[in-house]
Amino acid sequence: MDDVITRGHTMLGSAWRVIKLYPNADIRGFAVFRTISNTSEFVRMDDPVRGEIIYDPESETASRIP
């Protein structure tokens, strides 16, 4: 759980810690708000979505869709 999700690094880090202790766990995250970089994509404050966080080990960065 997170208050605001930007790219997902905090949520990913938390999931990795849980999976280390419970390797068979089904991990899901929840954030109250998400950042939106492109203002034309903003609909309203309460615009729930389901998304995915993808980690790229080559660049050591995470990205969130949506």
PDB file of N, CA and C in Angstrom:
ATOM      1  N   MET A   1       0.849  -1.162   0.000  1.00  0.00           N
ATOM      2  CA  MET A   1       0.000   0.000   0.000  1.00  0.00           C
ATOM      3  C   MET A   1       0.898   1.230   0.000  1.00  0.00           C
ATOM      4  N   ASP A   2       0.484   2.227  -0.755  1.00  0.00           N
ATOM      5  CA  ASP A   2       1.255   3.464  -0.871  1.00  0.00           C
ATOM      6  C   ASP A   2       0.262   4.612  -0.940  1.00  0.00           C
ATOM      7  N   ASP A   3       0.682   5.802  -0.550  1.00  0.00           N
ATOM      8  CA  ASP A   3      -0.221   6.941  -0.649  1.00  0.00           C
ATOM      9  C   ASP A   3      -0.258   7.495  -2.071  1.00  0.00           C
ATOM     10  N   VAL A   4       0.906   7.697  -2.661  1.00  0.00           N
ATOM     11  CA  VAL A   4       0.994   8.196  -4.043  1.00  0.00           C
ATOM     12  C   VAL A   4       1.996   7.326  -4.790  1.00  0.00           C
ATOM     13  N   ILE A   5       1.618   6.856  -5.960  1.00  0.00           N
ATOM     14  CA  ILE A   5       2.535   6.051  -6.765  1.00  0.00           C
ATOM     15  C   ILE A   5       3.000   6.893  -7.955  1.00  0.00           C
ATOM     16  N   THR A   6       4.296   6.952  -8.129  1.00  0.00           N
ATOM     17  CA  THR A   6       4.863   7.683  -9.252  1.00  0.00           C
ATOM     18  C   THR A   6       5.287   6.671 -10.305  1.00  0.00           C
ATOM     19  N   ARG A   7       6.443   6.062 -10.124  1.00  0.00           N
ATOM     20  CA  ARG A   7       6.876   5.022 -11.063  1.00  0.00           C
ATOM     21  C   ARG A   7       6.746   3.627 -10.478  1.00  0.00           C
ATOM     22  N   GLY A   8       6.719   3.524  -9.160  1.00  0.00           N
ATOM     23  CA  GLY A   8       6.492   2.241  -8.529  1.00  0.00           C
ATOM     24  C   GLY A   8       7.678   1.653  -7.797  1.00  0.00           C
ATOM     25  N   HIS A   9       8.761   2.407  -7.639  1.00  0.00           N
ATOM     26  CA  HIS A   9       9.954   1.878  -6.971  1.00  0.00           C
ATOM     27  C   HIS A   9       9.670   1.444  -5.531  1.00  0.00           C
ATOM     28  N   THR A  10       8.942   2.250  -4.776  1.00  0.00           N
ATOM     29  CA  THR A  10       8.651   1.908  -3.382  1.00  0.00           C
ATOM     30  C   THR A  10       7.798   0.651  -3.303  1.00  0.00           C
ATOM     31  N   MET A  11       6.783   0.577  -4.136  1.00  0.00           N
ATOM     32  CA  MET A  11       5.911  -0.591  -4.118  1.00  0.00           C
ATOM     33  C   MET A  11       6.662  -1.846  -4.549  1.00  0.00           C
ATOM     34  N   LEU A  12       7.512  -1.721  -5.555  1.00  0.00           N
ATOM     35  CA  LEU A  12       8.310  -2.858  -6.002  1.00  0.00           C
ATOM     36  C   LEU A  12       9.256  -3.335  -4.904  1.00  0.00           C
ATOM     37  N   GLY A  13       9.920  -2.395  -4.259  1.00  0.00           N
ATOM     38  CA  GLY A  13      10.839  -2.742  -3.185  1.00  0.00           C
ATOM     39  C   GLY A  13      10.133  -3.477  -2.055  1.00  0.00           C
ATOM     40  N   SER A  14       8.933  -3.019  -1.716  1.00  0.00           N
ATOM     41  CA  SER A  14       8.143  -3.689  -0.674  1.00  0.00           C
ATOM     42  C   SER A  14       7.765  -5.098  -1.106  1.00  0.00           C
ATOM     43  N   ALA A  15       7.350  -5.238  -2.346  1.00  0.00           N
ATOM     44  CA  ALA A  15       6.959  -6.557  -2.865  1.00  0.00           C
ATOM     45  C   ALA A  15       8.147  -7.512  -2.855  1.00  0.00           C
ATOM     46  N   TRP A  16       9.318  -7.023  -3.217  1.00  0.00           N
ATOM     47  CA  TRP A  16      10.516  -7.880  -3.213  1.00  0.00           C
ATOM     48  C   TRP A  16      10.831  -8.387  -1.807  1.00  0.00           C
ATOM     49  N   ARG A  17      10.642  -7.519  -0.803  1.00  0.00           N
ATOM     50  CA  ARG A  17      10.900  -7.933   0.586  1.00  0.00           C
ATOM     51  C   ARG A  17       9.918  -9.024   1.027  1.00  0.00           C
ATOM     52  N   VAL A  18       8.654  -8.857   0.663  1.00  0.00           N
ATOM     53  CA  VAL A  18       7.639  -9.852   1.034  1.00  0.00           C
ATOM     54  C   VAL A  18       7.907 -11.175   0.322  1.00  0.00           C
ATOM     55  N   ILE A  19       8.223 -11.111  -0.965  1.00  0.00           N
ATOM     56  CA  ILE A  19       8.444 -12.335  -1.758  1.00  0.00           C
ATOM     57  C   ILE A  19       9.667 -13.097  -1.245  1.00  0.00           C
ATOM     58  N   LYS A  20      10.627 -12.361  -0.675  1.00  0.00           N
ATOM     59  CA  LYS A  20      11.815 -13.011  -0.111  1.00  0.00           C
ATOM     60  C   LYS A  20      11.425 -13.900   1.082  1.00  0.00           C
ATOM     61  N   LEU A  21      10.482 -13.426   1.880  1.00  0.00           N
ATOM     62  CA  LEU A  21      10.027 -14.191   3.044  1.00  0.00           C
ATOM     63  C   LEU A  21       8.960 -15.222   2.691  1.00  0.00           C
ATOM     64  N   TYR A  22       8.121 -14.883   1.720  1.00  0.00           N
ATOM     65  CA  TYR A  22       7.012 -15.750   1.329  1.00  0.00           C
ATOM     66  C   TYR A  22       7.034 -15.944  -0.184  1.00  0.00           C
ATOM     67  N   PRO A  23       7.893 -16.815  -0.687  1.00  0.00           N
ATOM     68  CA  PRO A  23       8.108 -16.946  -2.129  1.00  0.00           C
ATOM     69  C   PRO A  23       6.874 -17.335  -2.943  1.00  0.00           C
ATOM     70  N   ASN A  24       5.873 -17.919  -2.316  1.00  0.00           N
ATOM     71  CA  ASN A  24       4.670 -18.313  -3.053  1.00  0.00           C
ATOM     72  C   ASN A  24       3.522 -17.322  -2.909  1.00  0.00           C
ATOM     73  N   ALA A  25       3.806 -16.186  -2.301  1.00  0.00           N
ATOM     74  CA  ALA A  25       2.755 -15.196  -2.056  1.00  0.00           C
ATOM     75  C   ALA A  25       2.301 -14.540  -3.361  1.00  0.00           C
ATOM     76  N   ASP A  26       1.025 -14.226  -3.410  1.00  0.00           N
ATOM     77  CA  ASP A  26       0.453 -13.466  -4.528  1.00  0.00           C
ATOM     78  C   ASP A  26       0.430 -12.005  -4.082  1.00  0.00           C
ATOM     79  N   ILE A  27       1.286 -11.188  -4.651  1.00  0.00           N
ATOM     80  CA  ILE A  27       1.465  -9.804  -4.207  1.00  0.00           C
ATOM     81  C   ILE A  27       0.673  -8.857  -5.104  1.00  0.00           C
ATOM     82  N   ARG A  28      -0.065  -7.982  -4.475  1.00  0.00           N
ATOM     83  CA  ARG A  28      -0.791  -6.925  -5.188  1.00  0.00           C
ATOM     84  C   ARG A  28      -0.596  -5.628  -4.418  1.00  0.00           C
ATOM     85  N   GLY A  29      -0.594  -4.532  -5.133  1.00  0.00           N
ATOM     86  CA  GLY A  29      -0.391  -3.239  -4.495  1.00  0.00           C
ATOM     87  C   GLY A  29      -1.610  -2.353  -4.635  1.00  0.00           C
ATOM     88  N   PHE A  30      -1.660  -1.332  -3.812  1.00  0.00           N
ATOM     89  CA  PHE A  30      -2.740  -0.357  -3.851  1.00  0.00           C
ATOM     90  C   PHE A  30      -2.164   1.007  -3.531  1.00  0.00           C
ATOM     91  N   ALA A  31      -2.517   1.995  -4.321  1.00  0.00           N
ATOM     92  CA  ALA A  31      -2.122   3.384  -4.047  1.00  0.00           C
ATOM     93  C   ALA A  31      -3.365   4.256  -4.097  1.00  0.00           C
ATOM     94  N   VAL A  32      -3.433   5.216  -3.208  1.00  0.00           N
ATOM     95  CA  VAL A  32      -4.582   6.108  -3.153  1.00  0.00           C
ATOM     96  C   VAL A  32      -4.594   7.032  -4.374  1.00  0.00           C
ATOM     97  N   PHE A  33      -3.432   7.547  -4.752  1.00  0.00           N
ATOM     98  CA  PHE A  33      -3.317   8.439  -5.900  1.00  0.00           C
ATOM     99  C   PHE A  33      -2.167   8.006  -6.785  1.00  0.00           C
ATOM    100  N   ARG A  34      -2.197   8.421  -8.037  1.00  0.00           N
ATOM    101  CA  ARG A  34      -1.091   8.188  -8.956  1.00  0.00           C
ATOM    102  C   ARG A  34      -0.732   9.504  -9.611  1.00  0.00           C
ATOM    103  N   THR A  35       0.532   9.666  -9.917  1.00  0.00           N
ATOM    104  CA  THR A  35       0.949  10.883 -10.608  1.00  0.00           C
ATOM    105  C   THR A  35       0.630  10.742 -12.090  1.00  0.00           C
ATOM    106  N   ILE A  36       0.375  11.864 -12.723  1.00  0.00           N
ATOM    107  CA  ILE A  36       0.114  11.895 -14.156  1.00  0.00           C
ATOM    108  C   ILE A  36       0.993  12.990 -14.743  1.00  0.00           C
ATOM    109  N   SER A  37       1.948  12.584 -15.564  1.00  0.00           N
ATOM    110  CA  SER A  37       2.889  13.541 -16.144  1.00  0.00           C
ATOM    111  C   SER A  37       2.258  14.350 -17.265  1.00  0.00           C
ATOM    112  N   ASN A  38       1.478  13.699 -18.096  1.00  0.00           N
ATOM    113  CA  ASN A  38       0.849  14.372 -19.236  1.00  0.00           C
ATOM    114  C   ASN A  38      -0.509  14.916 -18.794  1.00  0.00           C
ATOM    115  N   THR A  39      -0.618  16.222 -18.665  1.00  0.00           N
ATOM    116  CA  THR A  39      -1.849  16.827 -18.154  1.00  0.00           C
ATOM    117  C   THR A  39      -3.070  16.537 -19.030  1.00  0.00           C
ATOM    118  N   SER A  40      -2.867  16.232 -20.299  1.00  0.00           N
ATOM    119  CA  SER A  40      -4.014  15.917 -21.161  1.00  0.00           C
ATOM    120  C   SER A  40      -4.638  14.568 -20.800  1.00  0.00           C
ATOM    121  N   GLU A  41      -3.922  13.727 -20.042  1.00  0.00           N
ATOM    122  CA  GLU A  41      -4.439  12.434 -19.616  1.00  0.00           C
ATOM    123  C   GLU A  41      -5.223  12.521 -18.308  1.00  0.00           C
ATOM    124  N   PHE A  42      -5.186  13.692 -17.655  1.00  0.00           N
ATOM    125  CA  PHE A  42      -5.895  13.849 -16.386  1.00  0.00           C
ATOM    126  C   PHE A  42      -7.390  13.911 -16.639  1.00  0.00           C
ATOM    127  N   VAL A  43      -8.133  13.067 -15.921  1.00  0.00           N
ATOM    128  CA  VAL A  43      -9.584  13.042 -16.052  1.00  0.00           C
ATOM    129  C   VAL A  43     -10.209  13.721 -14.839  1.00  0.00           C
ATOM    130  N   ARG A  44      -9.932  13.191 -13.661  1.00  0.00           N
ATOM    131  CA  ARG A  44     -10.422  13.761 -12.406  1.00  0.00           C
ATOM    132  C   ARG A  44      -9.650  13.100 -11.256  1.00  0.00           C
ATOM    133  N   MET A  45      -9.804  13.615 -10.059  1.00  0.00           N
ATOM    134  CA  MET A  45      -9.067  13.083  -8.907  1.00  0.00           C
ATOM    135  C   MET A  45      -9.445  11.632  -8.614  1.00  0.00           C
ATOM    136  N   ASP A  46     -10.712  11.316  -8.716  1.00  0.00           N
ATOM    137  CA  ASP A  46     -11.154   9.947  -8.426  1.00  0.00           C
ATOM    138  C   ASP A  46     -11.342   9.190  -9.741  1.00  0.00           C
ATOM    139  N   ASP A  47     -10.232   8.761 -10.302  1.00  0.00           N
ATOM    140  CA  ASP A  47     -10.220   8.044 -11.585  1.00  0.00           C
ATOM    141  C   ASP A  47      -9.478   6.723 -11.393  1.00  0.00           C
ATOM    142  N   PRO A  48     -10.141   5.741 -10.757  1.00  0.00           N
ATOM    143  CA  PRO A  48      -9.442   4.494 -10.452  1.00  0.00           C
ATOM    144  C   PRO A  48      -9.035   3.718 -11.707  1.00  0.00           C
ATOM    145  N   VAL A  49      -7.858   3.128 -11.645  1.00  0.00           N
ATOM    146  CA  VAL A  49      -7.355   2.298 -12.744  1.00  0.00           C
ATOM    147  C   VAL A  49      -6.660   1.076 -12.168  1.00  0.00           C
ATOM    148  N   ARG A  50      -6.529   0.072 -12.987  1.00  0.00           N
ATOM    149  CA  ARG A  50      -5.731  -1.105 -12.637  1.00  0.00           C
ATOM    150  C   ARG A  50      -4.506  -1.049 -13.538  1.00  0.00           C
ATOM    151  N   GLY A  51      -3.342  -1.262 -12.986  1.00  0.00           N
ATOM    152  CA  GLY A  51      -2.134  -1.131 -13.779  1.00  0.00           C
ATOM    153  C   GLY A  51      -1.089  -2.163 -13.429  1.00  0.00           C
ATOM    154  N   GLU A  52       0.099  -1.896 -13.912  1.00  0.00           N
ATOM    155  CA  GLU A  52       1.212  -2.818 -13.737  1.00  0.00           C
ATOM    156  C   GLU A  52       2.496  -2.012 -13.570  1.00  0.00           C
ATOM    157  N   ILE A  53       3.389  -2.500 -12.732  1.00  0.00           N
ATOM    158  CA  ILE A  53       4.710  -1.894 -12.571  1.00  0.00           C
ATOM    159  C   ILE A  53       5.712  -2.843 -13.205  1.00  0.00           C
ATOM    160  N   ILE A  54       6.524  -2.312 -14.082  1.00  0.00           N
ATOM    161  CA  ILE A  54       7.512  -3.123 -14.790  1.00  0.00           C
ATOM    162  C   ILE A  54       8.901  -2.628 -14.421  1.00  0.00           C
ATOM    163  N   TYR A  55       9.769  -3.560 -14.041  1.00  0.00           N
ATOM    164  CA  TYR A  55      11.146  -3.217 -13.681  1.00  0.00           C
ATOM    165  C   TYR A  55      12.076  -3.621 -14.803  1.00  0.00           C
ATOM    166  N   ASP A  56      12.957  -2.701 -15.193  1.00  0.00           N
ATOM    167  CA  ASP A  56      13.961  -2.969 -16.214  1.00  0.00           C
ATOM    168  C   ASP A  56      15.316  -3.086 -15.523  1.00  0.00           C
ATOM    169  N   PRO A  57      15.823  -4.316 -15.365  1.00  0.00           N
ATOM    170  CA  PRO A  57      17.094  -4.484 -14.646  1.00  0.00           C
ATOM    171  C   PRO A  57      18.285  -3.836 -15.341  1.00  0.00           C
ATOM    172  N   GLU A  58      18.195  -3.681 -16.641  1.00  0.00           N
ATOM    173  CA  GLU A  58      19.305  -3.061 -17.378  1.00  0.00           C
ATOM    174  C   GLU A  58      19.479  -1.595 -16.985  1.00  0.00           C
ATOM    175  N   SER A  59      18.384  -0.874 -16.903  1.00  0.00           N
ATOM    176  CA  SER A  59      18.459   0.535 -16.527  1.00  0.00           C
ATOM    177  C   SER A  59      18.187   0.752 -15.037  1.00  0.00           C
ATOM    178  N   GLU A  60      17.836  -0.341 -14.333  1.00  0.00           N
ATOM    179  CA  GLU A  60      17.506  -0.298 -12.909  1.00  0.00           C
ATOM    180  C   GLU A  60      16.426   0.719 -12.612  1.00  0.00           C
ATOM    181  N   THR A  61      15.420   0.729 -13.456  1.00  0.00           N
ATOM    182  CA  THR A  61      14.320   1.671 -13.269  1.00  0.00           C
ATOM    183  C   THR A  61      12.978   0.969 -13.411  1.00  0.00           C
ATOM    184  N   ALA A  62      11.975   1.527 -12.799  1.00  0.00           N
ATOM    185  CA  ALA A  62      10.623   0.981 -12.872  1.00  0.00           C
ATOM    186  C   ALA A  62       9.738   1.934 -13.656  1.00  0.00           C
ATOM    187  N   SER A  63       8.732   1.372 -14.278  1.00  0.00           N
ATOM    188  CA  SER A  63       7.732   2.197 -14.956  1.00  0.00           C
ATOM    189  C   SER A  63       6.359   1.630 -14.661  1.00  0.00           C
ATOM    190  N   ARG A  64       5.390   2.507 -14.652  1.00  0.00           N
ATOM    191  CA  ARG A  64       4.031   2.137 -14.282  1.00  0.00           C
ATOM    192  C   ARG A  64       3.123   2.304 -15.495  1.00  0.00           C
ATOM    193  N   ILE A  65       2.264   1.317 -15.705  1.00  0.00           N
ATOM    194  CA  ILE A  65       1.298   1.378 -16.809  1.00  0.00           C
ATOM    195  C   ILE A  65      -0.075   1.115 -16.210  1.00  0.00           C
ATOM    196  N   PRO A  66      -1.064   1.910 -16.265  1.00  0.00           N
ATOM    197  CA  PRO A  66      -1.024   3.349 -16.521  1.00  0.00           C
ATOM    198  C   PRO A  66      -0.480   4.095 -15.366  1.00  0.00           C
TER     199      PRO A  66
END
